[in-house]
């Protein structure tokens, strides 16, 4: 499986699970659109901080 879990680091530096089984990421100027294998979508006011695809882990940082 190629899906990844997305973690969000908030403005206080705390990291938490934000969205599971993500298979599509669309970055915008101040947002990141995420879609999972079930077709569910979430938007985060964040930037991509790290992609660890072998570990199926994506880290976003809140802006």
N, C-alpha and C. Protein backbone atom coordinates (compact mmCIF):
# COMPACT_ATOMS: atom_id res chain seq x y z
N UNK A 1 0.84 -1.17 0.00
CA UNK A 1 0.00 0.00 0.00
C UNK A 1 0.89 1.24 0.00
N UNK A 2 0.43 2.28 -0.65
CA UNK A 2 1.22 3.51 -0.80
C UNK A 2 0.67 4.66 0.02
N UNK A 3 -0.35 4.43 0.81
CA UNK A 3 -0.95 5.51 1.58
C UNK A 3 -0.05 5.91 2.74
N UNK A 4 -0.23 7.15 3.18
CA UNK A 4 0.56 7.66 4.29
C UNK A 4 -0.35 8.30 5.33
N UNK A 5 0.13 8.35 6.55
CA UNK A 5 -0.55 9.11 7.59
C UNK A 5 0.07 10.50 7.64
N UNK A 6 -0.78 11.48 7.89
CA UNK A 6 -0.34 12.88 7.94
C UNK A 6 -0.38 13.34 9.38
N UNK A 7 0.72 13.95 9.80
CA UNK A 7 0.84 14.50 11.14
C UNK A 7 0.97 16.01 11.03
N UNK A 8 0.37 16.73 11.97
CA UNK A 8 0.39 18.19 11.97
C UNK A 8 1.10 18.69 13.20
N UNK A 9 2.09 19.56 12.98
CA UNK A 9 2.76 20.23 14.09
C UNK A 9 2.08 21.58 14.26
N UNK A 10 1.48 21.81 15.44
CA UNK A 10 0.76 23.07 15.66
C UNK A 10 1.74 24.18 16.02
N UNK A 11 1.20 25.35 16.25
CA UNK A 11 2.05 26.52 16.51
C UNK A 11 2.81 26.42 17.83
N UNK A 12 2.39 25.51 18.71
CA UNK A 12 3.10 25.28 19.97
C UNK A 12 4.16 24.19 19.85
N UNK A 13 4.30 23.62 18.65
CA UNK A 13 5.29 22.59 18.42
C UNK A 13 4.82 21.18 18.71
N UNK A 14 3.54 21.02 19.05
CA UNK A 14 3.00 19.69 19.36
C UNK A 14 2.59 18.98 18.07
N UNK A 15 3.06 17.74 17.92
CA UNK A 15 2.74 16.94 16.74
C UNK A 15 1.62 15.97 17.07
N UNK A 16 0.62 15.90 16.17
CA UNK A 16 -0.47 14.95 16.37
C UNK A 16 -0.94 14.41 15.02
N UNK A 17 -1.54 13.24 15.06
CA UNK A 17 -2.08 12.62 13.86
C UNK A 17 -3.22 13.50 13.34
N UNK A 18 -3.17 13.84 12.06
CA UNK A 18 -4.17 14.73 11.46
C UNK A 18 -5.11 13.99 10.52
N UNK A 19 -4.58 13.03 9.72
CA UNK A 19 -5.40 12.36 8.71
C UNK A 19 -4.72 11.05 8.33
N UNK A 20 -5.51 10.01 8.16
CA UNK A 20 -4.95 8.69 7.85
C UNK A 20 -5.23 8.27 6.41
N UNK A 21 -4.40 7.37 5.91
CA UNK A 21 -4.57 6.74 4.60
C UNK A 21 -4.61 7.73 3.44
N UNK A 22 -3.78 8.75 3.51
CA UNK A 22 -3.74 9.79 2.48
C UNK A 22 -3.02 9.27 1.25
N UNK A 23 -3.64 9.51 0.09
CA UNK A 23 -2.99 9.11 -1.16
C UNK A 23 -2.88 10.26 -2.17
N UNK A 24 -3.38 11.44 -1.80
CA UNK A 24 -3.26 12.60 -2.69
C UNK A 24 -3.03 13.85 -1.85
N UNK A 25 -2.02 14.65 -2.28
CA UNK A 25 -1.67 15.90 -1.62
C UNK A 25 -1.58 16.99 -2.67
N UNK A 26 -2.30 18.09 -2.45
CA UNK A 26 -2.25 19.21 -3.38
C UNK A 26 -1.86 20.46 -2.59
N UNK A 27 -0.59 20.89 -2.70
CA UNK A 27 -0.18 22.09 -1.97
C UNK A 27 -0.68 23.36 -2.64
N UNK A 28 -1.08 24.33 -1.82
CA UNK A 28 -1.47 25.65 -2.30
C UNK A 28 -0.52 26.68 -1.71
N UNK A 29 -0.85 27.94 -1.83
CA UNK A 29 0.05 28.98 -1.32
C UNK A 29 0.13 28.96 0.20
N UNK A 30 -0.98 28.80 0.90
CA UNK A 30 -0.99 28.74 2.36
C UNK A 30 -1.77 27.55 2.89
N UNK A 31 -2.11 26.62 2.03
CA UNK A 31 -2.90 25.46 2.43
C UNK A 31 -2.35 24.19 1.79
N UNK A 32 -2.77 23.08 2.37
CA UNK A 32 -2.47 21.77 1.79
C UNK A 32 -3.79 21.00 1.77
N UNK A 33 -4.20 20.56 0.58
CA UNK A 33 -5.40 19.74 0.43
C UNK A 33 -4.99 18.28 0.46
N UNK A 34 -5.66 17.50 1.29
CA UNK A 34 -5.37 16.09 1.45
C UNK A 34 -6.60 15.28 1.09
N UNK A 35 -6.39 14.14 0.44
CA UNK A 35 -7.49 13.23 0.14
C UNK A 35 -7.03 11.82 0.46
N UNK A 36 -7.92 11.05 1.13
CA UNK A 36 -7.54 9.69 1.47
C UNK A 36 -8.17 8.69 0.51
N UNK A 37 -7.89 7.40 0.73
CA UNK A 37 -8.35 6.37 -0.19
C UNK A 37 -9.86 6.19 -0.17
N UNK A 38 -10.54 6.74 0.84
CA UNK A 38 -12.00 6.67 0.92
C UNK A 38 -12.67 7.86 0.24
N UNK A 39 -11.87 8.77 -0.31
CA UNK A 39 -12.41 9.95 -0.98
C UNK A 39 -12.68 11.11 -0.04
N UNK A 40 -12.37 10.95 1.24
CA UNK A 40 -12.55 12.04 2.19
C UNK A 40 -11.46 13.07 1.98
N UNK A 41 -11.80 14.35 2.19
CA UNK A 41 -10.85 15.43 1.98
C UNK A 41 -10.73 16.29 3.23
N UNK A 42 -9.54 16.83 3.44
CA UNK A 42 -9.28 17.79 4.51
C UNK A 42 -8.34 18.84 3.96
N UNK A 43 -8.49 20.05 4.46
CA UNK A 43 -7.58 21.13 4.11
C UNK A 43 -6.92 21.63 5.40
N UNK A 44 -5.63 21.86 5.34
CA UNK A 44 -4.90 22.36 6.49
C UNK A 44 -4.22 23.67 6.11
N UNK A 45 -4.25 24.63 7.00
CA UNK A 45 -3.49 25.87 6.84
C UNK A 45 -2.07 25.56 7.31
N UNK A 46 -1.29 24.99 6.40
CA UNK A 46 0.02 24.47 6.77
C UNK A 46 0.92 24.41 5.55
N UNK A 47 2.17 24.07 5.83
CA UNK A 47 3.13 23.82 4.76
C UNK A 47 3.70 22.43 4.99
N UNK A 48 4.19 21.83 3.93
CA UNK A 48 4.80 20.51 4.04
C UNK A 48 6.18 20.67 4.65
N UNK A 49 6.41 19.97 5.76
CA UNK A 49 7.70 20.04 6.43
C UNK A 49 8.57 18.83 6.06
N UNK A 50 7.95 17.65 5.98
CA UNK A 50 8.73 16.44 5.73
C UNK A 50 7.87 15.39 5.04
N UNK A 51 8.47 14.71 4.07
CA UNK A 51 7.85 13.56 3.42
C UNK A 51 8.78 12.38 3.64
N UNK A 52 8.32 11.39 4.37
CA UNK A 52 9.08 10.16 4.60
C UNK A 52 8.25 9.03 4.00
N UNK A 53 8.35 8.88 2.70
CA UNK A 53 7.45 7.98 1.98
C UNK A 53 7.68 6.51 2.30
N UNK A 54 8.91 6.12 2.55
CA UNK A 54 9.17 4.73 2.92
C UNK A 54 8.49 4.40 4.25
N UNK A 55 8.44 5.39 5.13
CA UNK A 55 7.80 5.22 6.44
C UNK A 55 6.31 5.52 6.41
N UNK A 56 5.79 5.92 5.24
CA UNK A 56 4.37 6.27 5.07
C UNK A 56 3.98 7.39 6.03
N UNK A 57 4.81 8.42 6.09
CA UNK A 57 4.64 9.51 7.05
C UNK A 57 4.85 10.85 6.35
N UNK A 58 3.88 11.74 6.55
CA UNK A 58 3.96 13.10 6.03
C UNK A 58 3.76 14.04 7.20
N UNK A 59 4.63 15.04 7.30
CA UNK A 59 4.53 15.99 8.41
C UNK A 59 4.24 17.37 7.85
N UNK A 60 3.20 17.99 8.36
CA UNK A 60 2.82 19.35 8.01
C UNK A 60 3.10 20.25 9.21
N UNK A 61 3.39 21.52 8.91
CA UNK A 61 3.61 22.50 9.97
C UNK A 61 2.59 23.61 9.81
N UNK A 62 1.81 23.84 10.85
CA UNK A 62 0.76 24.86 10.83
C UNK A 62 1.35 26.25 10.62
N UNK A 63 0.67 27.05 9.77
CA UNK A 63 1.12 28.44 9.57
C UNK A 63 0.02 29.40 9.95
